[in-house]
Amino acid sequence: MSHYRMTIREETGYVVLDSYGGVLDPVEWQSLEYVDWKSSGDTRFAPLASAQGQIECNGFWHADPPKADKDGIWIPSQVAKAPTLARRAQGVGANVGRCRVIELQPNSYADALYNSHLDDNNRLNP
């Protein structure tokens, strides 16, 4: 299967999304189940969709069998707690892979530089 290429990205390679104009209750992200997943710094993740539909953050290449980071499975317990966030992600109309709320804590400038890294999240996508 070929991957859809958005024509809107042809000129710059990226798209700037509009700000959400609706009302979002902080309870949506505050009530989610977060997992410690060390990416950099003091960060917690609350997955809304994952490779297996479980509350975990592994890359889809860790699934059995490994798969590209798409066709994520929405996690019913998380979506029930954050329906507006889930609808916002689904409203783009894209094939969602991992979808998660990321809680970042402030870092010093030195820590931010130390923790900077390139991600390889799409290693199985062409």
PDB file of N, CA and C in Angstrom:
ATOM      1  N   MET A   1       0.836  -1.182   0.000  1.00  0.00           N
ATOM      2  CA  MET A   1       0.000   0.000   0.000  1.00  0.00           C
ATOM      3  C   MET A   1       0.880   1.243   0.000  1.00  0.00           C
ATOM      4  N   SER A   2       0.562   2.174  -0.861  1.00  0.00           N
ATOM      5  CA  SER A   2       1.350   3.401  -0.887  1.00  0.00           C
ATOM      6  C   SER A   2       0.826   4.377   0.166  1.00  0.00           C
ATOM      7  N   HIS A   3       1.683   5.281   0.567  1.00  0.00           N
ATOM      8  CA  HIS A   3       1.311   6.281   1.563  1.00  0.00           C
ATOM      9  C   HIS A   3       0.783   7.521   0.858  1.00  0.00           C
ATOM     10  N   TYR A   4      -0.250   8.092   1.406  1.00  0.00           N
ATOM     11  CA  TYR A   4      -0.844   9.317   0.894  1.00  0.00           C
ATOM     12  C   TYR A   4       0.126  10.476   1.123  1.00  0.00           C
ATOM     13  N   ARG A   5       0.331  11.262   0.117  1.00  0.00           N
ATOM     14  CA  ARG A   5       1.191  12.445   0.223  1.00  0.00           C
ATOM     15  C   ARG A   5       0.302  13.684   0.152  1.00  0.00           C
ATOM     16  N   MET A   6       0.309  14.500   1.196  1.00  0.00           N
ATOM     17  CA  MET A   6      -0.540  15.683   1.230  1.00  0.00           C
ATOM     18  C   MET A   6       0.060  16.782   0.357  1.00  0.00           C
ATOM     19  N   THR A   7      -0.731  17.274  -0.585  1.00  0.00           N
ATOM     20  CA  THR A   7      -0.245  18.329  -1.474  1.00  0.00           C
ATOM     21  C   THR A   7       0.047  19.617  -0.703  1.00  0.00           C
ATOM     22  N   ILE A   8      -0.651  19.832   0.417  1.00  0.00           N
ATOM     23  CA  ILE A   8      -0.431  21.046   1.211  1.00  0.00           C
ATOM     24  C   ILE A   8       0.995  21.105   1.767  1.00  0.00           C
ATOM     25  N   ARG A   9       1.679  19.954   1.828  1.00  0.00           N
ATOM     26  CA  ARG A   9       3.039  19.909   2.382  1.00  0.00           C
ATOM     27  C   ARG A   9       4.117  20.070   1.313  1.00  0.00           C
ATOM     28  N   GLU A  10       3.735  20.118   0.050  1.00  0.00           N
ATOM     29  CA  GLU A  10       4.730  20.128  -1.026  1.00  0.00           C
ATOM     30  C   GLU A  10       5.692  21.310  -0.948  1.00  0.00           C
ATOM     31  N   GLU A  11       5.193  22.486  -0.639  1.00  0.00           N
ATOM     32  CA  GLU A  11       6.041  23.672  -0.658  1.00  0.00           C
ATOM     33  C   GLU A  11       7.040  23.699   0.494  1.00  0.00           C
ATOM     34  N   THR A  12       6.590  23.433   1.711  1.00  0.00           N
ATOM     35  CA  THR A  12       7.443  23.591   2.888  1.00  0.00           C
ATOM     36  C   THR A  12       7.828  22.269   3.553  1.00  0.00           C
ATOM     37  N   GLY A  13       7.032  21.222   3.334  1.00  0.00           N
ATOM     38  CA  GLY A  13       7.289  19.943   3.988  1.00  0.00           C
ATOM     39  C   GLY A  13       6.554  19.797   5.308  1.00  0.00           C
ATOM     40  N   TYR A  14       5.806  20.820   5.722  1.00  0.00           N
ATOM     41  CA  TYR A  14       5.056  20.754   6.968  1.00  0.00           C
ATOM     42  C   TYR A  14       3.780  21.574   6.843  1.00  0.00           C
ATOM     43  N   VAL A  15       2.894  21.414   7.809  1.00  0.00           N
ATOM     44  CA  VAL A  15       1.633  22.148   7.871  1.00  0.00           C
ATOM     45  C   VAL A  15       1.490  22.711   9.284  1.00  0.00           C
ATOM     46  N   VAL A  16       1.077  23.957   9.392  1.00  0.00           N
ATOM     47  CA  VAL A  16       0.784  24.562  10.689  1.00  0.00           C
ATOM     48  C   VAL A  16      -0.721  24.439  10.898  1.00  0.00           C
ATOM     49  N   LEU A  17      -1.106  23.740  11.959  1.00  0.00           N
ATOM     50  CA  LEU A  17      -2.514  23.546  12.248  1.00  0.00           C
ATOM     51  C   LEU A  17      -3.097  24.751  12.963  1.00  0.00           C
ATOM     52  N   ASP A  18      -4.391  24.988  12.742  1.00  0.00           N
ATOM     53  CA  ASP A  18      -5.079  26.057  13.450  1.00  0.00           C
ATOM     54  C   ASP A  18      -5.182  25.712  14.928  1.00  0.00           C
ATOM     55  N   SER A  19      -5.257  26.742  15.751  1.00  0.00           N
ATOM     56  CA  SER A  19      -5.514  26.539  17.169  1.00  0.00           C
ATOM     57  C   SER A  19      -6.926  26.011  17.346  1.00  0.00           C
ATOM     58  N   TYR A  20      -7.116  25.213  18.382  1.00  0.00           N
ATOM     59  CA  TYR A  20      -8.436  24.678  18.674  1.00  0.00           C
ATOM     60  C   TYR A  20      -9.311  25.811  19.192  1.00  0.00           C
ATOM     61  N   GLY A  21     -10.454  26.027  18.576  1.00  0.00           N
ATOM     62  CA  GLY A  21     -11.333  27.126  18.957  1.00  0.00           C
ATOM     63  C   GLY A  21     -12.407  26.730  19.947  1.00  0.00           C
ATOM     64  N   GLY A  22     -12.483  25.458  20.289  1.00  0.00           N
ATOM     65  CA  GLY A  22     -13.522  24.998  21.199  1.00  0.00           C
ATOM     66  C   GLY A  22     -13.098  25.078  22.652  1.00  0.00           C
ATOM     67  N   VAL A  23     -13.979  24.597  23.499  1.00  0.00           N
ATOM     68  CA  VAL A  23     -13.720  24.565  24.934  1.00  0.00           C
ATOM     69  C   VAL A  23     -13.171  23.189  25.289  1.00  0.00           C
ATOM     70  N   LEU A  24     -12.101  23.164  26.041  1.00  0.00           N
ATOM     71  CA  LEU A  24     -11.497  21.905  26.466  1.00  0.00           C
ATOM     72  C   LEU A  24     -11.372  21.913  27.977  1.00  0.00           C
ATOM     73  N   ASP A  25     -11.992  20.943  28.604  1.00  0.00           N
ATOM     74  CA  ASP A  25     -11.966  20.829  30.058  1.00  0.00           C
ATOM     75  C   ASP A  25     -10.647  20.181  30.482  1.00  0.00           C
ATOM     76  N   PRO A  26      -9.861  20.827  31.344  1.00  0.00           N
ATOM     77  CA  PRO A  26      -8.591  20.248  31.794  1.00  0.00           C
ATOM     78  C   PRO A  26      -8.740  18.853  32.410  1.00  0.00           C
ATOM     79  N   VAL A  27      -9.926  18.512  32.883  1.00  0.00           N
ATOM     80  CA  VAL A  27     -10.149  17.175  33.445  1.00  0.00           C
ATOM     81  C   VAL A  27      -9.819  16.105  32.409  1.00  0.00           C
ATOM     82  N   GLU A  28      -9.978  16.449  31.120  1.00  0.00           N
ATOM     83  CA  GLU A  28      -9.694  15.453  30.079  1.00  0.00           C
ATOM     84  C   GLU A  28      -8.251  14.955  30.158  1.00  0.00           C
ATOM     85  N   TRP A  29      -7.286  15.855  30.257  1.00  0.00           N
ATOM     86  CA  TRP A  29      -5.899  15.370  30.312  1.00  0.00           C
ATOM     87  C   TRP A  29      -5.466  15.048  31.739  1.00  0.00           C
ATOM     88  N   GLN A  30      -6.114  15.652  32.718  1.00  0.00           N
ATOM     89  CA  GLN A  30      -5.747  15.377  34.107  1.00  0.00           C
ATOM     90  C   GLN A  30      -6.217  13.999  34.570  1.00  0.00           C
ATOM     91  N   SER A  31      -7.286  13.482  33.982  1.00  0.00           N
ATOM     92  CA  SER A  31      -7.842  12.200  34.430  1.00  0.00           C
ATOM     93  C   SER A  31      -7.277  10.997  33.676  1.00  0.00           C
ATOM     94  N   LEU A  32      -6.465  11.240  32.669  1.00  0.00           N
ATOM     95  CA  LEU A  32      -5.909  10.134  31.887  1.00  0.00           C
ATOM     96  C   LEU A  32      -4.935   9.298  32.716  1.00  0.00           C
ATOM     97  N   GLU A  33      -4.756   8.064  32.291  1.00  0.00           N
ATOM     98  CA  GLU A  33      -3.730   7.216  32.906  1.00  0.00           C
ATOM     99  C   GLU A  33      -2.409   7.488  32.198  1.00  0.00           C
ATOM    100  N   TYR A  34      -1.444   7.965  32.944  1.00  0.00           N
ATOM    101  CA  TYR A  34      -0.125   8.282  32.408  1.00  0.00           C
ATOM    102  C   TYR A  34       0.849   7.151  32.729  1.00  0.00           C
ATOM    103  N   VAL A  35       1.817   6.980  31.851  1.00  0.00           N
ATOM    104  CA  VAL A  35       2.878   6.005  32.085  1.00  0.00           C
ATOM    105  C   VAL A  35       4.212   6.736  32.022  1.00  0.00           C
ATOM    106  N   ASP A  36       5.160   6.295  32.816  1.00  0.00           N
ATOM    107  CA  ASP A  36       6.511   6.830  32.710  1.00  0.00           C
ATOM    108  C   ASP A  36       7.147   6.204  31.473  1.00  0.00           C
ATOM    109  N   TRP A  37       7.589   7.033  30.590  1.00  0.00           N
ATOM    110  CA  TRP A  37       8.231   6.555  29.367  1.00  0.00           C
ATOM    111  C   TRP A  37       9.354   7.527  29.096  1.00  0.00           C
ATOM    112  N   LYS A  38      10.545   7.118  29.382  1.00  0.00           N
ATOM    113  CA  LYS A  38      11.668   8.047  29.308  1.00  0.00           C
ATOM    114  C   LYS A  38      12.060   8.305  27.860  1.00  0.00           C
ATOM    115  N   SER A  39      11.770   9.497  27.437  1.00  0.00           N
ATOM    116  CA  SER A  39      12.194   9.969  26.127  1.00  0.00           C
ATOM    117  C   SER A  39      13.324  10.959  26.351  1.00  0.00           C
ATOM    118  N   SER A  40      13.035  11.950  27.142  1.00  0.00           N
ATOM    119  CA  SER A  40      14.051  12.909  27.562  1.00  0.00           C
ATOM    120  C   SER A  40      13.467  13.729  28.691  1.00  0.00           C
ATOM    121  N   GLY A  41      14.277  14.032  29.649  1.00  0.00           N
ATOM    122  CA  GLY A  41      13.816  14.829  30.771  1.00  0.00           C
ATOM    123  C   GLY A  41      12.773  14.101  31.603  1.00  0.00           C
ATOM    124  N   ASP A  42      12.009  14.862  32.351  1.00  0.00           N
ATOM    125  CA  ASP A  42      10.960  14.313  33.207  1.00  0.00           C
ATOM    126  C   ASP A  42       9.641  14.397  32.442  1.00  0.00           C
ATOM    127  N   THR A  43       9.309  13.352  31.717  1.00  0.00           N
ATOM    128  CA  THR A  43       8.178  13.334  30.802  1.00  0.00           C
ATOM    129  C   THR A  43       7.267  12.164  31.128  1.00  0.00           C
ATOM    130  N   ARG A  44       5.952  12.408  31.058  1.00  0.00           N
ATOM    131  CA  ARG A  44       4.989  11.314  31.187  1.00  0.00           C
ATOM    132  C   ARG A  44       4.084  11.331  29.960  1.00  0.00           C
ATOM    133  N   PHE A  45       3.633  10.151  29.570  1.00  0.00           N
ATOM    134  CA  PHE A  45       2.793  10.006  28.393  1.00  0.00           C
ATOM    135  C   PHE A  45       1.472   9.349  28.768  1.00  0.00           C
ATOM    136  N   ALA A  46       0.386   9.827  28.171  1.00  0.00           N
ATOM    137  CA  ALA A  46      -0.932   9.218  28.327  1.00  0.00           C
ATOM    138  C   ALA A  46      -1.408   8.823  26.932  1.00  0.00           C
ATOM    139  N   PRO A  47      -1.221   7.567  26.551  1.00  0.00           N
ATOM    140  CA  PRO A  47      -1.612   7.166  25.198  1.00  0.00           C
ATOM    141  C   PRO A  47      -3.129   7.145  25.022  1.00  0.00           C
ATOM    142  N   LEU A  48      -3.586   7.657  23.882  1.00  0.00           N
ATOM    143  CA  LEU A  48      -4.987   7.555  23.476  1.00  0.00           C
ATOM    144  C   LEU A  48      -5.147   6.455  22.435  1.00  0.00           C
ATOM    145  N   ALA A  49      -4.099   6.223  21.657  1.00  0.00           N
ATOM    146  CA  ALA A  49      -4.074   5.137  20.665  1.00  0.00           C
ATOM    147  C   ALA A  49      -2.674   4.550  20.673  1.00  0.00           C
ATOM    148  N   SER A  50      -2.598   3.248  20.490  1.00  0.00           N
ATOM    149  CA  SER A  50      -1.295   2.564  20.481  1.00  0.00           C
ATOM    150  C   SER A  50      -1.352   1.397  19.495  1.00  0.00           C
ATOM    151  N   ALA A  51      -0.242   0.701  19.358  1.00  0.00           N
ATOM    152  CA  ALA A  51      -0.158  -0.404  18.394  1.00  0.00           C
ATOM    153  C   ALA A  51      -1.145  -1.522  18.698  1.00  0.00           C
ATOM    154  N   GLN A  52      -1.325  -1.838  19.971  1.00  0.00           N
ATOM    155  CA  GLN A  52      -2.175  -2.959  20.362  1.00  0.00           C
ATOM    156  C   GLN A  52      -3.441  -2.522  21.101  1.00  0.00           C
ATOM    157  N   GLY A  53      -3.652  -1.205  21.246  1.00  0.00           N
ATOM    158  CA  GLY A  53      -4.808  -0.724  21.989  1.00  0.00           C
ATOM    159  C   GLY A  53      -4.632  -0.852  23.489  1.00  0.00           C
ATOM    160  N   GLN A  54      -3.392  -0.917  23.929  1.00  0.00           N
ATOM    161  CA  GLN A  54      -3.057  -1.019  25.352  1.00  0.00           C
ATOM    162  C   GLN A  54      -2.463   0.309  25.823  1.00  0.00           C
ATOM    163  N   ILE A  55      -2.459   0.516  27.123  1.00  0.00           N
ATOM    164  CA  ILE A  55      -1.848   1.723  27.670  1.00  0.00           C
ATOM    165  C   ILE A  55      -0.351   1.484  27.765  1.00  0.00           C
ATOM    166  N   GLU A  56       0.314   1.714  26.642  1.00  0.00           N
ATOM    167  CA  GLU A  56       1.763   1.553  26.527  1.00  0.00           C
ATOM    168  C   GLU A  56       2.242   2.465  25.411  1.00  0.00           C
ATOM    169  N   CYS A  57       3.541   2.721  25.368  1.00  0.00           N
ATOM    170  CA  CYS A  57       4.072   3.721  24.445  1.00  0.00           C
ATOM    171  C   CYS A  57       5.090   3.174  23.452  1.00  0.00           C
ATOM    172  N   ASN A  58       5.257   1.883  23.382  1.00  0.00           N
ATOM    173  CA  ASN A  58       6.253   1.323  22.466  1.00  0.00           C
ATOM    174  C   ASN A  58       5.984   1.732  21.028  1.00  0.00           C
ATOM    175  N   GLY A  59       7.060   1.836  20.265  1.00  0.00           N
ATOM    176  CA  GLY A  59       6.939   2.051  18.841  1.00  0.00           C
ATOM    177  C   GLY A  59       6.261   0.855  18.199  1.00  0.00           C
ATOM    178  N   PHE A  60       5.592   1.076  17.104  1.00  0.00           N
ATOM    179  CA  PHE A  60       4.856   0.002  16.444  1.00  0.00           C
ATOM    180  C   PHE A  60       5.785  -1.086  15.919  1.00  0.00           C
ATOM    181  N   TRP A  61       7.049  -0.775  15.724  1.00  0.00           N
ATOM    182  CA  TRP A  61       8.003  -1.785  15.270  1.00  0.00           C
ATOM    183  C   TRP A  61       8.277  -2.823  16.354  1.00  0.00           C
ATOM    184  N   HIS A  62       7.850  -2.551  17.603  1.00  0.00           N
ATOM    185  CA  HIS A  62       7.990  -3.521  18.688  1.00  0.00           C
ATOM    186  C   HIS A  62       6.794  -4.472  18.758  1.00  0.00           C
ATOM    187  N   ALA A  63       5.748  -4.201  17.966  1.00  0.00           N
ATOM    188  CA  ALA A  63       4.556  -5.055  17.981  1.00  0.00           C
ATOM    189  C   ALA A  63       4.910  -6.413  17.366  1.00  0.00           C
ATOM    190  N   ASP A  64       4.065  -7.375  17.605  1.00  0.00           N
ATOM    191  CA  ASP A  64       4.270  -8.709  17.026  1.00  0.00           C
ATOM    192  C   ASP A  64       3.059  -9.043  16.162  1.00  0.00           C
ATOM    193  N   PRO A  65       3.180  -8.946  14.853  1.00  0.00           N
ATOM    194  CA  PRO A  65       4.385  -8.642  14.083  1.00  0.00           C
ATOM    195  C   PRO A  65       4.644  -7.137  14.033  1.00  0.00           C
ATOM    196  N   PRO A  66       5.893  -6.754  13.772  1.00  0.00           N
ATOM    197  CA  PRO A  66       6.216  -5.328  13.650  1.00  0.00           C
ATOM    198  C   PRO A  66       5.390  -4.681  12.538  1.00  0.00           C
ATOM    199  N   LYS A  67       5.030  -3.430  12.744  1.00  0.00           N
ATOM    200  CA  LYS A  67       4.267  -2.725  11.723  1.00  0.00           C
ATOM    201  C   LYS A  67       4.655  -1.258  11.704  1.00  0.00           C
ATOM    202  N   ALA A  68       4.312  -0.607  10.592  1.00  0.00           N
ATOM    203  CA  ALA A  68       4.569   0.825  10.466  1.00  0.00           C
ATOM    204  C   ALA A  68       3.731   1.575  11.498  1.00  0.00           C
ATOM    205  N   ASP A  69       4.167   2.780  11.853  1.00  0.00           N
ATOM    206  CA  ASP A  69       3.506   3.575  12.883  1.00  0.00           C
ATOM    207  C   ASP A  69       2.233   4.219  12.316  1.00  0.00           C
ATOM    208  N   LYS A  70       1.252   3.371  12.031  1.00  0.00           N
ATOM    209  CA  LYS A  70      -0.069   3.792  11.566  1.00  0.00           C
ATOM    210  C   LYS A  70      -1.052   2.706  11.968  1.00  0.00           C
ATOM    211  N   ASP A  71      -2.316   2.910  11.681  1.00  0.00           N
ATOM    212  CA  ASP A  71      -3.355   1.949  12.087  1.00  0.00           C
ATOM    213  C   ASP A  71      -3.361   1.752  13.596  1.00  0.00           C
ATOM    214  N   GLY A  72      -3.211   2.860  14.343  1.00  0.00           N
ATOM    215  CA  GLY A  72      -3.272   2.782  15.794  1.00  0.00           C
ATOM    216  C   GLY A  72      -4.653   2.343  16.253  1.00  0.00           C
ATOM    217  N   ILE A  73      -4.686   1.701  17.388  1.00  0.00           N
ATOM    218  CA  ILE A  73      -5.945   1.232  17.965  1.00  0.00           C
ATOM    219  C   ILE A  73      -6.276   2.150  19.140  1.00  0.00           C
ATOM    220  N   TRP A  74      -7.440   2.788  19.076  1.00  0.00           N
ATOM    221  CA  TRP A  74      -7.863   3.707  20.130  1.00  0.00           C
ATOM    222  C   TRP A  74      -8.120   2.921  21.405  1.00  0.00           C
ATOM    223  N   ILE A  75      -7.712   3.469  22.524  1.00  0.00           N
ATOM    224  CA  ILE A  75      -7.833   2.822  23.831  1.00  0.00           C
ATOM    225  C   ILE A  75      -9.140   3.302  24.467  1.00  0.00           C
ATOM    226  N   PRO A  76     -10.155   2.432  24.527  1.00  0.00           N
ATOM    227  CA  PRO A  76     -11.478   2.877  24.985  1.00  0.00           C
ATOM    228  C   PRO A  76     -11.476   3.585  26.336  1.00  0.00           C
ATOM    229  N   SER A  77     -10.729   3.078  27.319  1.00  0.00           N
ATOM    230  CA  SER A  77     -10.740   3.701  28.646  1.00  0.00           C
ATOM    231  C   SER A  77     -10.158   5.109  28.613  1.00  0.00           C
ATOM    232  N   GLN A  78      -9.169   5.352  27.757  1.00  0.00           N
ATOM    233  CA  GLN A  78      -8.555   6.674  27.655  1.00  0.00           C
ATOM    234  C   GLN A  78      -9.450   7.630  26.850  1.00  0.00           C
ATOM    235  N   VAL A  79     -10.015   7.122  25.747  1.00  0.00           N
ATOM    236  CA  VAL A  79     -10.887   7.949  24.913  1.00  0.00           C
ATOM    237  C   VAL A  79     -12.126   8.376  25.700  1.00  0.00           C
ATOM    238  N   ALA A  80     -12.626   7.498  26.580  1.00  0.00           N
ATOM    239  CA  ALA A  80     -13.788   7.845  27.410  1.00  0.00           C
ATOM    240  C   ALA A  80     -13.471   9.002  28.355  1.00  0.00           C
ATOM    241  N   LYS A  81     -12.222   9.098  28.793  1.00  0.00           N
ATOM    242  CA  LYS A  81     -11.811  10.177  29.695  1.00  0.00           C
ATOM    243  C   LYS A  81     -11.503  11.477  28.949  1.00  0.00           C
ATOM    244  N   ALA A  82     -11.124  11.364  27.685  1.00  0.00           N
ATOM    245  CA  ALA A  82     -10.708  12.535  26.914  1.00  0.00           C
ATOM    246  C   ALA A  82     -11.360  12.530  25.528  1.00  0.00           C
ATOM    247  N   PRO A  83     -12.690  12.562  25.477  1.00  0.00           N
ATOM    248  CA  PRO A  83     -13.362  12.471  24.175  1.00  0.00           C
ATOM    249  C   PRO A  83     -13.071  13.648  23.245  1.00  0.00           C
ATOM    250  N   THR A  84     -12.917  14.843  23.797  1.00  0.00           N
ATOM    251  CA  THR A  84     -12.637  15.997  22.945  1.00  0.00           C
ATOM    252  C   THR A  84     -11.255  15.895  22.328  1.00  0.00           C
ATOM    253  N   LEU A  85     -10.272  15.480  23.120  1.00  0.00           N
ATOM    254  CA  LEU A  85      -8.919  15.306  22.586  1.00  0.00           C
ATOM    255  C   LEU A  85      -8.907  14.238  21.496  1.00  0.00           C
ATOM    256  N   ALA A  86      -9.608  13.131  21.718  1.00  0.00           N
ATOM    257  CA  ALA A  86      -9.651  12.054  20.728  1.00  0.00           C
ATOM    258  C   ALA A  86     -10.341  12.529  19.444  1.00  0.00           C
ATOM    259  N   ARG A  87     -11.465  13.229  19.587  1.00  0.00           N
ATOM    260  CA  ARG A  87     -12.164  13.732  18.396  1.00  0.00           C
ATOM    261  C   ARG A  87     -11.296  14.712  17.630  1.00  0.00           C
ATOM    262  N   ARG A  88     -10.538  15.536  18.359  1.00  0.00           N
ATOM    263  CA  ARG A  88      -9.646  16.507  17.705  1.00  0.00           C
ATOM    264  C   ARG A  88      -8.594  15.785  16.870  1.00  0.00           C
ATOM    265  N   ALA A  89      -8.015  14.723  17.421  1.00  0.00           N
ATOM    266  CA  ALA A  89      -7.014  13.950  16.669  1.00  0.00           C
ATOM    267  C   ALA A  89      -7.656  13.212  15.500  1.00  0.00           C
ATOM    268  N   GLN A  90      -8.822  12.651  15.716  1.00  0.00           N
ATOM    269  CA  GLN A  90      -9.500  11.905  14.656  1.00  0.00           C
ATOM    270  C   GLN A  90     -10.022  12.827  13.567  1.00  0.00           C
ATOM    271  N   GLY A  91     -10.313  14.070  13.921  1.00  0.00           N
ATOM    272  CA  GLY A  91     -10.894  15.017  12.982  1.00  0.00           C
ATOM    273  C   GLY A  91      -9.979  15.416  11.848  1.00  0.00           C
ATOM    274  N   VAL A  92      -8.695  15.169  11.990  1.00  0.00           N
ATOM    275  CA  VAL A  92      -7.744  15.484  10.918  1.00  0.00           C
ATOM    276  C   VAL A  92      -7.994  14.588   9.709  1.00  0.00           C
ATOM    277  N   GLY A  93      -8.528  13.395   9.968  1.00  0.00           N
ATOM    278  CA  GLY A  93      -8.821  12.465   8.881  1.00  0.00           C
ATOM    279  C   GLY A  93      -7.623  11.632   8.457  1.00  0.00           C
ATOM    280  N   ALA A  94      -6.571  11.643   9.252  1.00  0.00           N
ATOM    281  CA  ALA A  94      -5.358  10.897   8.924  1.00  0.00           C
ATOM    282  C   ALA A  94      -5.409   9.510   9.549  1.00  0.00           C
ATOM    283  N   ASN A  95      -4.582   8.626   9.043  1.00  0.00           N
ATOM    284  CA  ASN A  95      -4.416   7.296   9.611  1.00  0.00           C
ATOM    285  C   ASN A  95      -3.506   7.456  10.820  1.00  0.00           C
ATOM    286  N   VAL A  96      -4.085   7.478  11.994  1.00  0.00           N
ATOM    287  CA  VAL A  96      -3.352   7.766  13.221  1.00  0.00           C
ATOM    288  C   VAL A  96      -2.580   6.543  13.691  1.00  0.00           C
ATOM    289  N   GLY A  97      -1.355   6.759  14.072  1.00  0.00           N
ATOM    290  CA  GLY A  97      -0.554   5.715  14.699  1.00  0.00           C
ATOM    291  C   GLY A  97      -0.621   5.910  16.200  1.00  0.00           C
ATOM    292  N   ARG A  98       0.496   6.258  16.807  1.00  0.00           N
ATOM    293  CA  ARG A  98       0.482   6.589  18.233  1.00  0.00           C
ATOM    294  C   ARG A  98      -0.158   7.961  18.414  1.00  0.00           C
ATOM    295  N   CYS A  99      -1.036   8.056  19.356  1.00  0.00           N
ATOM    296  CA  CYS A  99      -1.635   9.336  19.718  1.00  0.00           C
ATOM    297  C   CYS A  99      -1.590   9.398  21.227  1.00  0.00           C
ATOM    298  N   ARG A 100      -0.954  10.416  21.750  1.00  0.00           N
ATOM    299  CA  ARG A 100      -0.798  10.485  23.197  1.00  0.00           C
ATOM    300  C   ARG A 100      -0.668  11.920  23.668  1.00  0.00           C
ATOM    301  N   VAL A 101      -1.058  12.121  24.898  1.00  0.00           N
ATOM    302  CA  VAL A 101      -0.866  13.400  25.567  1.00  0.00           C
ATOM    303  C   VAL A 101       0.484  13.319  26.255  1.00  0.00           C
ATOM    304  N   ILE A 102       1.285  14.341  26.060  1.00  0.00           N
ATOM    305  CA  ILE A 102       2.624  14.348  26.635  1.00  0.00           C
ATOM    306  C   ILE A 102       2.694  15.445  27.689  1.00  0.00           C
ATOM    307  N   GLU A 103       3.048  15.056  28.895  1.00  0.00           N
ATOM    308  CA  GLU A 103       3.211  16.009  29.986  1.00  0.00           C
ATOM    309  C   GLU A 103       4.698  16.277  30.158  1.00  0.00           C
ATOM    310  N   LEU A 104       5.096  17.485  29.841  1.00  0.00           N
ATOM    311  CA  LEU A 104       6.492  17.876  29.954  1.00  0.00           C
ATOM    312  C   LEU A 104       6.697  18.740  31.187  1.00  0.00           C
ATOM    313  N   GLN A 105       7.778  18.525  31.861  1.00  0.00           N
ATOM    314  CA  GLN A 105       8.161  19.363  32.992  1.00  0.00           C
ATOM    315  C   GLN A 105       9.267  20.306  32.522  1.00  0.00           C
ATOM    316  N   PRO A 106       9.364  21.475  33.128  1.00  0.00           N
ATOM    317  CA  PRO A 106      10.418  22.416  32.710  1.00  0.00           C
ATOM    318  C   PRO A 106      11.812  21.811  32.893  1.00  0.00           C
ATOM    319  N   ASN A 107      12.679  22.126  31.955  1.00  0.00           N
ATOM    320  CA  ASN A 107      14.081  21.708  32.001  1.00  0.00           C
ATOM    321  C   ASN A 107      14.964  22.943  32.005  1.00  0.00           C
ATOM    322  N   SER A 108      16.163  22.773  32.487  1.00  0.00           N
ATOM    323  CA  SER A 108      17.153  23.844  32.311  1.00  0.00           C
ATOM    324  C   SER A 108      17.586  23.829  30.846  1.00  0.00           C
ATOM    325  N   TYR A 109      18.196  24.903  30.422  1.00  0.00           N
ATOM    326  CA  TYR A 109      18.691  24.977  29.048  1.00  0.00           C
ATOM    327  C   TYR A 109      19.717  23.874  28.792  1.00  0.00           C
ATOM    328  N   ALA A 110      20.591  23.627  29.753  1.00  0.00           N
ATOM    329  CA  ALA A 110      21.614  22.586  29.602  1.00  0.00           C
ATOM    330  C   ALA A 110      20.969  21.206  29.458  1.00  0.00           C
ATOM    331  N   ASP A 111      19.944  20.922  30.273  1.00  0.00           N
ATOM    332  CA  ASP A 111      19.245  19.636  30.163  1.00  0.00           C
ATOM    333  C   ASP A 111      18.530  19.510  28.824  1.00  0.00           C
ATOM    334  N   ALA A 112      17.935  20.608  28.375  1.00  0.00           N
ATOM    335  CA  ALA A 112      17.248  20.579  27.088  1.00  0.00           C
ATOM    336  C   ALA A 112      18.224  20.238  25.963  1.00  0.00           C
ATOM    337  N   LEU A 113      19.404  20.840  25.982  1.00  0.00           N
ATOM    338  CA  LEU A 113      20.411  20.520  24.962  1.00  0.00           C
ATOM    339  C   LEU A 113      20.875  19.072  25.088  1.00  0.00           C
ATOM    340  N   TYR A 114      21.103  18.621  26.321  1.00  0.00           N
ATOM    341  CA  TYR A 114      21.556  17.249  26.551  1.00  0.00           C
ATOM    342  C   TYR A 114      20.526  16.236  26.060  1.00  0.00           C
ATOM    343  N   ASN A 115      19.251  16.529  26.255  1.00  0.00           N
ATOM    344  CA  ASN A 115      18.189  15.595  25.899  1.00  0.00           C
ATOM    345  C   ASN A 115      17.728  15.700  24.453  1.00  0.00           C
ATOM    346  N   SER A 116      18.234  16.665  23.709  1.00  0.00           N
ATOM    347  CA  SER A 116      17.833  16.805  22.308  1.00  0.00           C
ATOM    348  C   SER A 116      18.298  15.590  21.512  1.00  0.00           C
ATOM    349  N   HIS A 117      17.401  15.071  20.706  1.00  0.00           N
ATOM    350  CA  HIS A 117      17.728  13.904  19.893  1.00  0.00           C
ATOM    351  C   HIS A 117      16.761  13.803  18.717  1.00  0.00           C
ATOM    352  N   LEU A 118      17.193  13.144  17.673  1.00  0.00           N
ATOM    353  CA  LEU A 118      16.316  12.842  16.551  1.00  0.00           C
ATOM    354  C   LEU A 118      15.562  11.562  16.869  1.00  0.00           C
ATOM    355  N   ASP A 119      14.271  11.566  16.609  1.00  0.00           N
ATOM    356  CA  ASP A 119      13.493  10.348  16.788  1.00  0.00           C
ATOM    357  C   ASP A 119      13.464   9.563  15.489  1.00  0.00           C
ATOM    358  N   ASP A 120      13.295   8.282  15.612  1.00  0.00           N
ATOM    359  CA  ASP A 120      13.198   7.385  14.472  1.00  0.00           C
ATOM    360  C   ASP A 120      11.835   6.684  14.535  1.00  0.00           C
ATOM    361  N   ASN A 121      10.780   7.477  14.652  1.00  0.00           N
ATOM    362  CA  ASN A 121       9.447   6.926  14.895  1.00  0.00           C
ATOM    363  C   ASN A 121       8.808   6.295  13.675  1.00  0.00           C
ATOM    364  N   ASN A 122       9.305   6.559  12.511  1.00  0.00           N
ATOM    365  CA  ASN A 122       8.664   6.066  11.295  1.00  0.00           C
ATOM    366  C   ASN A 122       9.572   5.108  10.525  1.00  0.00           C
ATOM    367  N   ARG A 123      10.352   4.336  11.229  1.00  0.00           N
ATOM    368  CA  ARG A 123      11.362   3.493  10.586  1.00  0.00           C
ATOM    369  C   ARG A 123      10.777   2.445   9.642  1.00  0.00           C
ATOM    370  N   LEU A 124       9.523   2.032   9.828  1.00  0.00           N
ATOM    371  CA  LEU A 124       8.930   1.040   8.933  1.00  0.00           C
ATOM    372  C   LEU A 124       8.052   1.650   7.852  1.00  0.00           C
ATOM    373  N   ASN A 125       7.935   2.976   7.827  1.00  0.00           N
ATOM    374  CA  ASN A 125       7.190   3.649   6.766  1.00  0.00           C
ATOM    375  C   ASN A 125       8.131   3.907   5.591  1.00  0.00           C
ATOM    376  N   PRO A 126       7.631   3.751   4.383  1.00  0.00           N
ATOM    377  CA  PRO A 126       8.509   4.026   3.219  1.00  0.00           C
ATOM    378  C   PRO A 126       8.848   5.511   3.115  1.00  0.00           C
TER     379      PRO A 126
END
